[in-house]
PDB file of N, CA and C in Angstrom:
ATOM      1  N   MET A   1      12.794 -15.596  -1.419  1.00  0.00           N
ATOM      2  CA  MET A   1      11.867 -14.638  -0.849  1.00  0.00           C
ATOM      3  C   MET A   1      10.654 -15.403  -0.307  1.00  0.00           C
ATOM      4  N   THR A   2      10.225 -15.045   0.890  1.00  0.00           N
ATOM      5  CA  THR A   2       9.074 -15.718   1.485  1.00  0.00           C
ATOM      6  C   THR A   2       7.793 -15.327   0.745  1.00  0.00           C
ATOM      7  N   PRO A   3       6.768 -16.171   0.807  1.00  0.00           N
ATOM      8  CA  PRO A   3       5.502 -15.812   0.163  1.00  0.00           C
ATOM      9  C   PRO A   3       4.929 -14.502   0.704  1.00  0.00           C
ATOM     10  N   ARG A   4       5.121 -14.229   1.987  1.00  0.00           N
ATOM     11  CA  ARG A   4       4.639 -12.983   2.584  1.00  0.00           C
ATOM     12  C   ARG A   4       5.322 -11.784   1.936  1.00  0.00           C
ATOM     13  N   LYS A   5       6.645 -11.817   1.858  1.00  0.00           N
ATOM     14  CA  LYS A   5       7.385 -10.707   1.247  1.00  0.00           C
ATOM     15  C   LYS A   5       7.032 -10.550  -0.226  1.00  0.00           C
ATOM     16  N   LYS A   6       6.885 -11.659  -0.918  1.00  0.00           N
ATOM     17  CA  LYS A   6       6.521 -11.621  -2.339  1.00  0.00           C
ATOM     18  C   LYS A   6       5.141 -10.985  -2.514  1.00  0.00           C
ATOM     19  N   ALA A   7       4.189 -11.363  -1.669  1.00  0.00           N
ATOM     20  CA  ALA A   7       2.834 -10.807  -1.759  1.00  0.00           C
ATOM     21  C   ALA A   7       2.844  -9.295  -1.513  1.00  0.00           C
ATOM     22  N   ILE A   8       3.610  -8.854  -0.533  1.00  0.00           N
ATOM     23  CA  ILE A   8       3.686  -7.420  -0.230  1.00  0.00           C
ATOM     24  C   ILE A   8       4.345  -6.676  -1.385  1.00  0.00           C
ATOM     25  N   GLU A   9       5.398  -7.237  -1.940  1.00  0.00           N
ATOM     26  CA  GLU A   9       6.079  -6.618  -3.088  1.00  0.00           C
ATOM     27  C   GLU A   9       5.119  -6.488  -4.281  1.00  0.00           C
ATOM     28  N   LEU A  10       4.365  -7.552  -4.550  1.00  0.00           N
ATOM     29  CA  LEU A  10       3.409  -7.520  -5.656  1.00  0.00           C
ATOM     30  C   LEU A  10       2.293  -6.506  -5.399  1.00  0.00           C
ATOM     31  N   ALA A  11       1.818  -6.427  -4.166  1.00  0.00           N
ATOM     32  CA  ALA A  11       0.761  -5.462  -3.827  1.00  0.00           C
ATOM     33  C   ALA A  11       1.238  -4.032  -4.068  1.00  0.00           C
ATOM     34  N   LYS A  12       2.496  -3.760  -3.751  1.00  0.00           N
ATOM     35  CA  LYS A  12       3.054  -2.427  -4.010  1.00  0.00           C
ATOM     36  C   LYS A  12       3.118  -2.150  -5.508  1.00  0.00           C
ATOM     37  N   LYS A  13       3.485  -3.154  -6.295  1.00  0.00           N
ATOM     38  CA  LYS A  13       3.530  -2.985  -7.751  1.00  0.00           C
ATOM     39  C   LYS A  13       2.131  -2.700  -8.303  1.00  0.00           C
ATOM     40  N   VAL A  14       1.141  -3.443  -7.814  1.00  0.00           N
ATOM     41  CA  VAL A  14      -0.242  -3.228  -8.257  1.00  0.00           C
ATOM     42  C   VAL A  14      -0.689  -1.817  -7.899  1.00  0.00           C
ATOM     43  N   ALA A  15      -0.403  -1.378  -6.673  1.00  0.00           N
ATOM     44  CA  ALA A  15      -0.826  -0.041  -6.229  1.00  0.00           C
ATOM     45  C   ALA A  15      -0.159   1.057  -7.054  1.00  0.00           C
ATOM     46  N   LYS A  16       1.133   0.923  -7.313  1.00  0.00           N
ATOM     47  CA  LYS A  16       1.829   1.949  -8.099  1.00  0.00           C
ATOM     48  C   LYS A  16       1.300   1.995  -9.534  1.00  0.00           C
ATOM     49  N   LYS A  17       1.022   0.834 -10.090  1.00  0.00           N
ATOM     50  CA  LYS A  17       0.466   0.790 -11.446  1.00  0.00           C
ATOM     51  C   LYS A  17      -0.944   1.393 -11.446  1.00  0.00           C
ATOM     52  N   ARG A  18      -1.741   1.041 -10.456  1.00  0.00           N
ATOM     53  CA  ARG A  18      -3.101   1.578 -10.328  1.00  0.00           C
ATOM     54  C   ARG A  18      -3.078   3.106 -10.272  1.00  0.00           C
ATOM     55  N   ASP A  19      -2.097   3.642  -9.538  1.00  0.00           N
ATOM     56  CA  ASP A  19      -1.966   5.097  -9.359  1.00  0.00           C
ATOM     57  C   ASP A  19      -1.182   5.766 -10.481  1.00  0.00           C
ATOM     58  N   ASN A  20      -0.855   4.994 -11.526  1.00  0.00           N
ATOM     59  CA  ASN A  20      -0.101   5.520 -12.676  1.00  0.00           C
ATOM     60  C   ASN A  20       1.237   6.144 -12.277  1.00  0.00           C
ATOM     61  N   TYR A  21       1.844   5.611 -11.228  1.00  0.00           N
ATOM     62  CA  TYR A  21       3.137   6.101 -10.750  1.00  0.00           C
ATOM     63  C   TYR A  21       3.096   7.602 -10.448  1.00  0.00           C
ATOM     64  N   ILE A  22       1.969   8.055  -9.920  1.00  0.00           N
ATOM     65  CA  ILE A  22       1.802   9.462  -9.558  1.00  0.00           C
ATOM     66  C   ILE A  22       1.699   9.557  -8.045  1.00  0.00           C
ATOM     67  N   CYS A  23       2.501  10.435  -7.456  1.00  0.00           N
ATOM     68  CA  CYS A  23       2.463  10.652  -6.015  1.00  0.00           C
ATOM     69  C   CYS A  23       1.056  11.112  -5.631  1.00  0.00           C
ATOM     70  N   GLN A  24       0.442  10.400  -4.721  1.00  0.00           N
ATOM     71  CA  GLN A  24      -0.924  10.716  -4.331  1.00  0.00           C
ATOM     72  C   GLN A  24      -1.014  11.966  -3.460  1.00  0.00           C
ATOM     73  N   LYS A  25       0.102  12.416  -2.946  1.00  0.00           N
ATOM     74  CA  LYS A  25       0.110  13.659  -2.178  1.00  0.00           C
ATOM     75  C   LYS A  25       0.368  14.853  -3.094  1.00  0.00           C
ATOM     76  N   HIS A  26       1.379  14.763  -3.944  1.00  0.00           N
ATOM     77  CA  HIS A  26       1.801  15.904  -4.750  1.00  0.00           C
ATOM     78  C   HIS A  26       1.244  15.920  -6.166  1.00  0.00           C
ATOM     79  N   GLY A  27       0.719  14.790  -6.641  1.00  0.00           N
ATOM     80  CA  GLY A  27       0.142  14.724  -7.970  1.00  0.00           C
ATOM     81  C   GLY A  27       1.155  14.743  -9.100  1.00  0.00           C
ATOM     82  N   GLU A  28       2.390  14.368  -8.814  1.00  0.00           N
ATOM     83  CA  GLU A  28       3.449  14.370  -9.827  1.00  0.00           C
ATOM     84  C   GLU A  28       3.986  12.961 -10.026  1.00  0.00           C
ATOM     85  N   SER A  29       4.510  12.719 -11.208  1.00  0.00           N
ATOM     86  CA  SER A  29       5.042  11.403 -11.550  1.00  0.00           C
ATOM     87  C   SER A  29       6.561  11.417 -11.596  1.00  0.00           C
ATOM     88  N   CYS A  30       7.136  10.346 -11.092  1.00  0.00           N
ATOM     89  CA  CYS A  30       8.579  10.147 -11.177  1.00  0.00           C
ATOM     90  C   CYS A  30       8.805   8.655 -10.968  1.00  0.00           C
ATOM     91  N   VAL A  31       8.669   7.873 -12.035  1.00  0.00           N
ATOM     92  CA  VAL A  31       8.642   6.414 -11.943  1.00  0.00           C
ATOM     93  C   VAL A  31       9.754   5.841 -11.075  1.00  0.00           C
ATOM     94  N   GLY A  32      10.970   6.296 -11.222  1.00  0.00           N
ATOM     95  CA  GLY A  32      12.079   5.728 -10.466  1.00  0.00           C
ATOM     96  C   GLY A  32      12.076   6.065  -8.988  1.00  0.00           C
ATOM     97  N   GLN A  33      11.339   7.075  -8.599  1.00  0.00           N
ATOM     98  CA  GLN A  33      11.364   7.526  -7.207  1.00  0.00           C
ATOM     99  C   GLN A  33      10.060   7.264  -6.459  1.00  0.00           C
ATOM    100  N   MET A  34       9.170   6.483  -7.013  1.00  0.00           N
ATOM    101  CA  MET A  34       7.885   6.243  -6.369  1.00  0.00           C
ATOM    102  C   MET A  34       7.957   5.076  -5.392  1.00  0.00           C
ATOM    103  N   HIS A  35       7.322   5.257  -4.260  1.00  0.00           N
ATOM    104  CA  HIS A  35       7.289   4.241  -3.214  1.00  0.00           C
ATOM    105  C   HIS A  35       5.853   3.777  -3.038  1.00  0.00           C
ATOM    106  N   GLY A  36       5.673   2.507  -2.734  1.00  0.00           N
ATOM    107  CA  GLY A  36       4.371   1.991  -2.321  1.00  0.00           C
ATOM    108  C   GLY A  36       4.367   2.019  -0.805  1.00  0.00           C
ATOM    109  N   SER A  37       3.498   2.834  -0.227  1.00  0.00           N
ATOM    110  CA  SER A  37       3.497   2.991   1.227  1.00  0.00           C
ATOM    111  C   SER A  37       2.179   2.508   1.824  1.00  0.00           C
ATOM    112  N   HIS A  38       2.303   1.768   2.910  1.00  0.00           N
ATOM    113  CA  HIS A  38       1.128   1.230   3.580  1.00  0.00           C
ATOM    114  C   HIS A  38       0.377   2.306   4.358  1.00  0.00           C
ATOM    115  N   ILE A  39      -0.924   2.180   4.374  1.00  0.00           N
ATOM    116  CA  ILE A  39      -1.775   3.058   5.174  1.00  0.00           C
ATOM    117  C   ILE A  39      -1.843   2.469   6.578  1.00  0.00           C
ATOM    118  N   ILE A  40      -2.301   1.235   6.672  1.00  0.00           N
ATOM    119  CA  ILE A  40      -2.191   0.491   7.936  1.00  0.00           C
ATOM    120  C   ILE A  40      -0.852  -0.214   7.848  1.00  0.00           C
ATOM    121  N   PRO A  41       0.058   0.056   8.778  1.00  0.00           N
ATOM    122  CA  PRO A  41       1.433  -0.442   8.650  1.00  0.00           C
ATOM    123  C   PRO A  41       1.543  -1.964   8.641  1.00  0.00           C
ATOM    124  N   VAL A  42       2.566  -2.444   7.989  1.00  0.00           N
ATOM    125  CA  VAL A  42       2.848  -3.874   7.927  1.00  0.00           C
ATOM    126  C   VAL A  42       2.942  -4.433   9.343  1.00  0.00           C
ATOM    127  N   GLY A  43       3.517  -3.679  10.248  1.00  0.00           N
ATOM    128  CA  GLY A  43       3.690  -4.122  11.629  1.00  0.00           C
ATOM    129  C   GLY A  43       2.384  -4.365  12.371  1.00  0.00           C
ATOM    130  N   ALA A  44       1.270  -3.897  11.826  1.00  0.00           N
ATOM    131  CA  ALA A  44      -0.028  -4.133  12.467  1.00  0.00           C
ATOM    132  C   ALA A  44      -0.479  -5.570  12.275  1.00  0.00           C
ATOM    133  N   GLY A  45       0.216  -6.297  11.395  1.00  0.00           N
ATOM    134  CA  GLY A  45      -0.095  -7.705  11.167  1.00  0.00           C
ATOM    135  C   GLY A  45      -1.248  -7.902  10.210  1.00  0.00           C
ATOM    136  N   GLY A  46      -1.417  -9.134   9.823  1.00  0.00           N
ATOM    137  CA  GLY A  46      -2.531  -9.498   8.956  1.00  0.00           C
ATOM    138  C   GLY A  46      -2.204  -9.443   7.488  1.00  0.00           C
ATOM    139  N   ILE A  47      -3.093 -10.000   6.711  1.00  0.00           N
ATOM    140  CA  ILE A  47      -2.911 -10.082   5.263  1.00  0.00           C
ATOM    141  C   ILE A  47      -3.170  -8.738   4.591  1.00  0.00           C
ATOM    142  N   ILE A  48      -3.690  -7.782   5.333  1.00  0.00           N
ATOM    143  CA  ILE A  48      -3.917  -6.446   4.777  1.00  0.00           C
ATOM    144  C   ILE A  48      -2.606  -5.817   4.302  1.00  0.00           C
ATOM    145  N   ALA A  49      -1.495  -6.320   4.791  1.00  0.00           N
ATOM    146  CA  ALA A  49      -0.190  -5.826   4.342  1.00  0.00           C
ATOM    147  C   ALA A  49       0.001  -6.058   2.848  1.00  0.00           C
ATOM    148  N   ALA A  50      -0.714  -7.033   2.282  1.00  0.00           N
ATOM    149  CA  ALA A  50      -0.605  -7.333   0.854  1.00  0.00           C
ATOM    150  C   ALA A  50      -1.882  -6.953   0.104  1.00  0.00           C
ATOM    151  N   ASP A  51      -2.617  -6.016   0.636  1.00  0.00           N
ATOM    152  CA  ASP A  51      -3.842  -5.523  -0.011  1.00  0.00           C
ATOM    153  C   ASP A  51      -3.512  -4.210  -0.716  1.00  0.00           C
ATOM    154  N   PRO A  52      -3.596  -4.155  -2.047  1.00  0.00           N
ATOM    155  CA  PRO A  52      -3.260  -2.909  -2.754  1.00  0.00           C
ATOM    156  C   PRO A  52      -4.086  -1.702  -2.297  1.00  0.00           C
ATOM    157  N   ASP A  53      -5.297  -1.937  -1.795  1.00  0.00           N
ATOM    158  CA  ASP A  53      -6.109  -0.827  -1.292  1.00  0.00           C
ATOM    159  C   ASP A  53      -5.480  -0.202  -0.050  1.00  0.00           C
ATOM    160  N   ASN A  54      -4.603  -0.951   0.613  1.00  0.00           N
ATOM    161  CA  ASN A  54      -3.915  -0.465   1.806  1.00  0.00           C
ATOM    162  C   ASN A  54      -2.573   0.191   1.459  1.00  0.00           C
ATOM    163  N   ILE A  55      -2.326   0.397   0.186  1.00  0.00           N
ATOM    164  CA  ILE A  55      -1.046   0.963  -0.252  1.00  0.00           C
ATOM    165  C   ILE A  55      -1.322   2.136  -1.180  1.00  0.00           C
ATOM    166  N   ILE A  56      -0.585   3.227  -0.968  1.00  0.00           N
ATOM    167  CA  ILE A  56      -0.676   4.363  -1.879  1.00  0.00           C
ATOM    168  C   ILE A  56       0.711   4.662  -2.432  1.00  0.00           C
ATOM    169  N   THR A  57       0.713   5.295  -3.582  1.00  0.00           N
ATOM    170  CA  THR A  57       1.963   5.676  -4.228  1.00  0.00           C
ATOM    171  C   THR A  57       2.361   7.051  -3.727  1.00  0.00           C
ATOM    172  N   LEU A  58       3.590   7.136  -3.243  1.00  0.00           N
ATOM    173  CA  LEU A  58       4.129   8.408  -2.762  1.00  0.00           C
ATOM    174  C   LEU A  58       5.527   8.613  -3.325  1.00  0.00           C
ATOM    175  N   CYS A  59       5.871   9.865  -3.616  1.00  0.00           N
ATOM    176  CA  CYS A  59       7.239  10.166  -4.009  1.00  0.00           C
ATOM    177  C   CYS A  59       8.121  10.028  -2.770  1.00  0.00           C
ATOM    178  N   ALA A  60       9.410   9.965  -2.982  1.00  0.00           N
ATOM    179  CA  ALA A  60      10.343   9.770  -1.869  1.00  0.00           C
ATOM    180  C   ALA A  60      10.196  10.841  -0.810  1.00  0.00           C
ATOM    181  N   SER A  61       9.993  12.092  -1.213  1.00  0.00           N
ATOM    182  CA  SER A  61       9.907  13.155  -0.209  1.00  0.00           C
ATOM    183  C   SER A  61       8.622  13.065   0.608  1.00  0.00           C
ATOM    184  N   ALA A  62       7.507  12.742  -0.004  1.00  0.00           N
ATOM    185  CA  ALA A  62       6.252  12.606   0.748  1.00  0.00           C
ATOM    186  C   ALA A  62       6.301  11.399   1.675  1.00  0.00           C
ATOM    187  N   HIS A  63       7.042  10.395   1.268  1.00  0.00           N
ATOM    188  CA  HIS A  63       7.104   9.159   2.031  1.00  0.00           C
ATOM    189  C   HIS A  63       8.021   9.251   3.245  1.00  0.00           C
ATOM    190  N   LYS A  64       9.177   9.923   3.084  1.00  0.00           N
ATOM    191  CA  LYS A  64      10.199   9.802   4.119  1.00  0.00           C
ATOM    192  C   LYS A  64      10.727  11.084   4.753  1.00  0.00           C
ATOM    193  N   LEU A  65      10.482  12.216   4.184  1.00  0.00           N
ATOM    194  CA  LEU A  65      11.091  13.427   4.745  1.00  0.00           C
ATOM    195  C   LEU A  65      10.561  13.741   6.138  1.00  0.00           C
ATOM    196  N   ALA A  66      11.436  14.066   7.032  1.00  0.00           N
ATOM    197  CA  ALA A  66      11.045  14.418   8.394  1.00  0.00           C
ATOM    198  C   ALA A  66      10.224  15.705   8.390  1.00  0.00           C
ATOM    199  N   GLY A  67       9.344  15.813   9.358  1.00  0.00           N
ATOM    200  CA  GLY A  67       8.537  17.014   9.493  1.00  0.00           C
ATOM    201  C   GLY A  67       7.190  16.892   8.806  1.00  0.00           C
ATOM    202  N   ASP A  68       7.132  16.208   7.680  1.00  0.00           N
ATOM    203  CA  ASP A  68       5.875  16.048   6.963  1.00  0.00           C
ATOM    204  C   ASP A  68       5.796  14.635   6.401  1.00  0.00           C
ATOM    205  N   SER A  69       6.394  13.702   7.096  1.00  0.00           N
ATOM    206  CA  SER A  69       6.491  12.333   6.616  1.00  0.00           C
ATOM    207  C   SER A  69       5.179  11.575   6.786  1.00  0.00           C
ATOM    208  N   TRP A  70       4.877  10.778   5.803  1.00  0.00           N
ATOM    209  CA  TRP A  70       3.710   9.909   5.864  1.00  0.00           C
ATOM    210  C   TRP A  70       3.810   8.984   7.076  1.00  0.00           C
ATOM    211  N   HIS A  71       4.983   8.459   7.341  1.00  0.00           N
ATOM    212  CA  HIS A  71       5.133   7.503   8.430  1.00  0.00           C
ATOM    213  C   HIS A  71       5.096   8.134   9.818  1.00  0.00           C
ATOM    214  N   GLU A  72       5.292   9.423   9.897  1.00  0.00           N
ATOM    215  CA  GLU A  72       5.213  10.054  11.215  1.00  0.00           C
ATOM    216  C   GLU A  72       3.783  10.036  11.742  1.00  0.00           C
ATOM    217  N   ALA A  73       2.800  10.226  10.872  1.00  0.00           N
ATOM    218  CA  ALA A  73       1.412  10.256  11.313  1.00  0.00           C
ATOM    219  C   ALA A  73       0.467  10.125  10.119  1.00  0.00           C
ATOM    220  N   PRO A  74       0.348   8.935   9.546  1.00  0.00           N
ATOM    221  CA  PRO A  74      -0.485   8.794   8.348  1.00  0.00           C
ATOM    222  C   PRO A  74      -1.943   9.169   8.568  1.00  0.00           C
ATOM    223  N   LYS A  75      -2.463   8.925   9.769  1.00  0.00           N
ATOM    224  CA  LYS A  75      -3.865   9.241  10.037  1.00  0.00           C
ATOM    225  C   LYS A  75      -4.104  10.746  10.152  1.00  0.00           C
ATOM    226  N   GLU A  76      -3.050  11.510  10.355  1.00  0.00           N
ATOM    227  CA  GLU A  76      -3.199  12.947  10.551  1.00  0.00           C
ATOM    228  C   GLU A  76      -2.905  13.748   9.293  1.00  0.00           C
ATOM    229  N   GLN A  77      -2.832  13.117   8.182  1.00  0.00           N
ATOM    230  CA  GLN A  77      -2.561  13.788   6.920  1.00  0.00           C
ATOM    231  C   GLN A  77      -3.885  14.279   6.341  1.00  0.00           C
ATOM    232  N   ASP A  78      -4.158  15.569   6.447  1.00  0.00           N
ATOM    233  CA  ASP A  78      -5.417  16.127   5.966  1.00  0.00           C
ATOM    234  C   ASP A  78      -5.662  15.812   4.497  1.00  0.00           C
ATOM    235  N   TRP A  79      -4.625  15.900   3.691  1.00  0.00           N
ATOM    236  CA  TRP A  79      -4.787  15.653   2.263  1.00  0.00           C
ATOM    237  C   TRP A  79      -5.307  14.243   1.993  1.00  0.00           C
ATOM    238  N   PHE A  80      -4.916  13.281   2.816  1.00  0.00           N
ATOM    239  CA  PHE A  80      -5.346  11.902   2.615  1.00  0.00           C
ATOM    240  C   PHE A  80      -6.855  11.775   2.841  1.00  0.00           C
ATOM    241  N   ASP A  81      -7.348  12.342   3.922  1.00  0.00           N
ATOM    242  CA  ASP A  81      -8.786  12.266   4.206  1.00  0.00           C
ATOM    243  C   ASP A  81      -9.621  13.001   3.168  1.00  0.00           C
ATOM    244  N   ILE A  82      -9.075  14.076   2.623  1.00  0.00           N
ATOM    245  CA  ILE A  82      -9.794  14.819   1.577  1.00  0.00           C
ATOM    246  C   ILE A  82      -9.819  14.016   0.279  1.00  0.00           C
ATOM    247  N   LYS A  83      -8.692  13.479  -0.100  1.00  0.00           N
ATOM    248  CA  LYS A  83      -8.584  12.744  -1.363  1.00  0.00           C
ATOM    249  C   LYS A  83      -9.261  11.375  -1.303  1.00  0.00           C
ATOM    250  N   PHE A  84      -9.206  10.727  -0.146  1.00  0.00           N
ATOM    251  CA  PHE A  84      -9.735   9.375   0.007  1.00  0.00           C
ATOM    252  C   PHE A  84     -10.694   9.300   1.203  1.00  0.00           C
ATOM    253  N   PRO A  85     -11.836   9.981   1.131  1.00  0.00           N
ATOM    254  CA  PRO A  85     -12.750   9.981   2.284  1.00  0.00           C
ATOM    255  C   PRO A  85     -13.221   8.566   2.625  1.00  0.00           C
ATOM    256  N   GLY A  86     -13.116   8.226   3.891  1.00  0.00           N
ATOM    257  CA  GLY A  86     -13.586   6.932   4.378  1.00  0.00           C
ATOM    258  C   GLY A  86     -12.646   5.762   4.150  1.00  0.00           C
ATOM    259  N   ARG A  87     -11.577   5.966   3.434  1.00  0.00           N
ATOM    260  CA  ARG A  87     -10.686   4.841   3.110  1.00  0.00           C
ATOM    261  C   ARG A  87     -10.018   4.279   4.363  1.00  0.00           C
ATOM    262  N   TYR A  88      -9.529   5.144   5.221  1.00  0.00           N
ATOM    263  CA  TYR A  88      -8.854   4.656   6.428  1.00  0.00           C
ATOM    264  C   TYR A  88      -9.827   3.854   7.296  1.00  0.00           C
ATOM    265  N   ALA A  89     -11.027   4.360   7.486  1.00  0.00           N
ATOM    266  CA  ALA A  89     -12.022   3.657   8.302  1.00  0.00           C
ATOM    267  C   ALA A  89     -12.380   2.306   7.676  1.00  0.00           C
ATOM    268  N   ARG A  90     -12.509   2.271   6.352  1.00  0.00           N
ATOM    269  CA  ARG A  90     -12.823   1.032   5.645  1.00  0.00           C
ATOM    270  C   ARG A  90     -11.706  -0.001   5.837  1.00  0.00           C
ATOM    271  N   LEU A  91     -10.461   0.463   5.749  1.00  0.00           N
ATOM    272  CA  LEU A  91      -9.333  -0.445   5.940  1.00  0.00           C
ATOM    273  C   LEU A  91      -9.269  -0.946   7.380  1.00  0.00           C
ATOM    274  N   LYS A  92      -9.508  -0.063   8.341  1.00  0.00           N
ATOM    275  CA  LYS A  92      -9.486  -0.472   9.754  1.00  0.00           C
ATOM    276  C   LYS A  92     -10.552  -1.535  10.013  1.00  0.00           C
ATOM    277  N   ALA A  93     -11.715  -1.374   9.404  1.00  0.00           N
ATOM    278  CA  ALA A  93     -12.796  -2.337   9.600  1.00  0.00           C
ATOM    279  C   ALA A  93     -12.445  -3.691   8.973  1.00  0.00           C
ATOM    280  N   LYS A  94     -11.698  -3.668   7.905  1.00  0.00           N
ATOM    281  CA  LYS A  94     -11.319  -4.873   7.168  1.00  0.00           C
ATOM    282  C   LYS A  94     -10.131  -5.603   7.815  1.00  0.00           C
ATOM    283  N   HIS A  95      -9.345  -4.864   8.575  1.00  0.00           N
ATOM    284  CA  HIS A  95      -8.113  -5.407   9.148  1.00  0.00           C
ATOM    285  C   HIS A  95      -8.387  -6.374  10.296  1.00  0.00           C
ATOM    286  N   GLU A  96      -7.724  -7.497  10.238  1.00  0.00           N
ATOM    287  CA  GLU A  96      -7.743  -8.409  11.374  1.00  0.00           C
ATOM    288  C   GLU A  96      -6.322  -8.891  11.621  1.00  0.00           C
ATOM    289  N   ASN A  97      -5.879  -8.696  12.833  1.00  0.00           N
ATOM    290  CA  ASN A  97      -4.521  -9.089  13.201  1.00  0.00           C
ATOM    291  C   ASN A  97      -4.568 -10.524  13.707  1.00  0.00           C
ATOM    292  N   ARG A  98      -4.268 -11.431  12.810  1.00  0.00           N
ATOM    293  CA  ARG A  98      -4.237 -12.847  13.161  1.00  0.00           C
ATOM    294  C   ARG A  98      -3.093 -13.493  12.392  1.00  0.00           C
ATOM    295  N   PRO A  99      -2.607 -14.608  12.867  1.00  0.00           N
ATOM    296  CA  PRO A  99      -1.550 -15.292  12.126  1.00  0.00           C
ATOM    297  C   PRO A  99      -2.067 -15.719  10.749  1.00  0.00           C
ATOM    298  N   ILE A 100      -1.269 -15.479   9.736  1.00  0.00           N
ATOM    299  CA  ILE A 100      -1.633 -15.842   8.368  1.00  0.00           C
ATOM    300  C   ILE A 100      -0.876 -17.104   7.984  1.00  0.00           C
ATOM    301  N   LYS A 101      -1.599 -18.073   7.500  1.00  0.00           N
ATOM    302  CA  LYS A 101      -1.005 -19.349   7.092  1.00  0.00           C
ATOM    303  C   LYS A 101      -0.252 -19.178   5.769  1.00  0.00           C
ATOM    304  N   LYS A 102       0.750 -20.018   5.580  1.00  0.00           N
ATOM    305  CA  LYS A 102       1.559 -19.940   4.362  1.00  0.00           C
ATOM    306  C   LYS A 102       0.701 -20.057   3.102  1.00  0.00           C
ATOM    307  N   TYR A 103      -0.289 -20.944   3.121  1.00  0.00           N
ATOM    308  CA  TYR A 103      -1.125 -21.117   1.932  1.00  0.00           C
ATOM    309  C   TYR A 103      -1.904 -19.833   1.607  1.00  0.00           C
ATOM    310  N   GLU A 104      -2.258 -19.042   2.632  1.00  0.00           N
ATOM    311  CA  GLU A 104      -2.969 -17.782   2.388  1.00  0.00           C
ATOM    312  C   GLU A 104      -2.064 -16.784   1.665  1.00  0.00           C
ATOM    313  N   TRP A 105      -0.799 -16.733   2.081  1.00  0.00           N
ATOM    314  CA  TRP A 105       0.153 -15.853   1.399  1.00  0.00           C
ATOM    315  C   TRP A 105       0.363 -16.330  -0.039  1.00  0.00           C
ATOM    316  N   LEU A 106       0.445 -17.638  -0.244  1.00  0.00           N
ATOM    317  CA  LEU A 106       0.622 -18.183  -1.593  1.00  0.00           C
ATOM    318  C   LEU A 106      -0.583 -17.851  -2.479  1.00  0.00           C
ATOM    319  N   GLU A 107      -1.780 -17.940  -1.921  1.00  0.00           N
ATOM    320  CA  GLU A 107      -2.983 -17.572  -2.670  1.00  0.00           C
ATOM    321  C   GLU A 107      -2.958 -16.087  -3.027  1.00  0.00           C
ATOM    322  N   LYS A 108      -2.493 -15.268  -2.088  1.00  0.00           N
ATOM    323  CA  LYS A 108      -2.413 -13.823  -2.333  1.00  0.00           C
ATOM    324  C   LYS A 108      -1.409 -13.536  -3.438  1.00  0.00           C
ATOM    325  N   VAL A 109      -0.288 -14.242  -3.451  1.00  0.00           N
ATOM    326  CA  VAL A 109       0.711 -14.077  -4.516  1.00  0.00           C
ATOM    327  C   VAL A 109       0.072 -14.387  -5.866  1.00  0.00           C
ATOM    328  N   LYS A 110      -0.674 -15.475  -5.957  1.00  0.00           N
ATOM    329  CA  LYS A 110      -1.336 -15.842  -7.218  1.00  0.00           C
ATOM    330  C   LYS A 110      -2.328 -14.757  -7.640  1.00  0.00           C
ATOM    331  N   GLU A 111      -3.123 -14.307  -6.708  1.00  0.00           N
ATOM    332  CA  GLU A 111      -4.135 -13.271  -6.983  1.00  0.00           C
ATOM    333  C   GLU A 111      -3.490 -11.984  -7.493  1.00  0.00           C
ATOM    334  N   LEU A 112      -2.442 -11.544  -6.818  1.00  0.00           N
ATOM    335  CA  LEU A 112      -1.775 -10.290  -7.194  1.00  0.00           C
ATOM    336  C   LEU A 112      -1.021 -10.426  -8.515  1.00  0.00           C
ATOM    337  N   THR A 113      -0.434 -11.583  -8.762  1.00  0.00           N
ATOM    338  CA  THR A 113       0.239 -11.830 -10.039  1.00  0.00           C
ATOM    339  C   THR A 113      -0.771 -11.710 -11.180  1.00  0.00           C
ATOM    340  N   GLN A 114      -1.946 -12.264 -10.973  1.00  0.00           N
ATOM    341  CA  GLN A 114      -2.998 -12.174 -11.987  1.00  0.00           C
ATOM    342  C   GLN A 114      -3.477 -10.729 -12.157  1.00  0.00           C
ATOM    343  N   GLN A 115      -3.613 -10.007 -11.069  1.00  0.00           N
ATOM    344  CA  GLN A 115      -4.010  -8.593 -11.149  1.00  0.00           C
ATOM    345  C   GLN A 115      -3.030  -7.803 -12.003  1.00  0.00           C
ATOM    346  N   LEU A 116      -1.741  -8.024 -11.782  1.00  0.00           N
ATOM    347  CA  LEU A 116      -0.728  -7.323 -12.574  1.00  0.00           C
ATOM    348  C   LEU A 116      -0.846  -7.677 -14.055  1.00  0.00           C
ATOM    349  N   LYS A 117      -1.062  -8.933 -14.349  1.00  0.00           N
ATOM    350  CA  LYS A 117      -1.225  -9.344 -15.750  1.00  0.00           C
ATOM    351  C   LYS A 117      -2.442  -8.671 -16.364  1.00  0.00           C
ATOM    352  N   ASP A 118      -3.529  -8.602 -15.607  1.00  0.00           N
ATOM    353  CA  ASP A 118      -4.761  -7.997 -16.103  1.00  0.00           C
ATOM    354  C   ASP A 118      -4.609  -6.493 -16.335  1.00  0.00           C
ATOM    355  N   MET A 119      -3.670  -5.864 -15.640  1.00  0.00           N
ATOM    356  CA  MET A 119      -3.461  -4.422 -15.764  1.00  0.00           C
ATOM    357  C   MET A 119      -2.646  -4.072 -17.013  1.00  0.00           C
ATOM    358  N   ASP A 120      -1.961  -5.058 -17.571  1.00  0.00           N
ATOM    359  CA  ASP A 120      -1.131  -4.804 -18.780  1.00  0.00           C
ATOM    360  C   ASP A 120      -1.965  -4.721 -20.033  1.00  0.00           C
TER     361      ASP A 120
END
């Protein structure tokens, strides 16, 4: 697994643990069915893809179902702006789309691994 993929995987684990495996849209828990979903998509580039603040826990239906899917229009989800006022704007301001060096991904892996240990 590349350091980039490992960092993103760890960031999702940190976010799900932070959210107590509770869907941030529906407020229900289902450990086996929870997804870590990006607010600013991975495809936007940058190290923000491995930032737990850029990831929320969603149940499978909130994450993927057509018609009300998070990925269809994350910025247009009223519940998100109500629950997390200013979060999207803060993430957009923090985001920079630039090539990330391998050592930066490796540092992020170390940081996130430590975060997970600290959460136990």
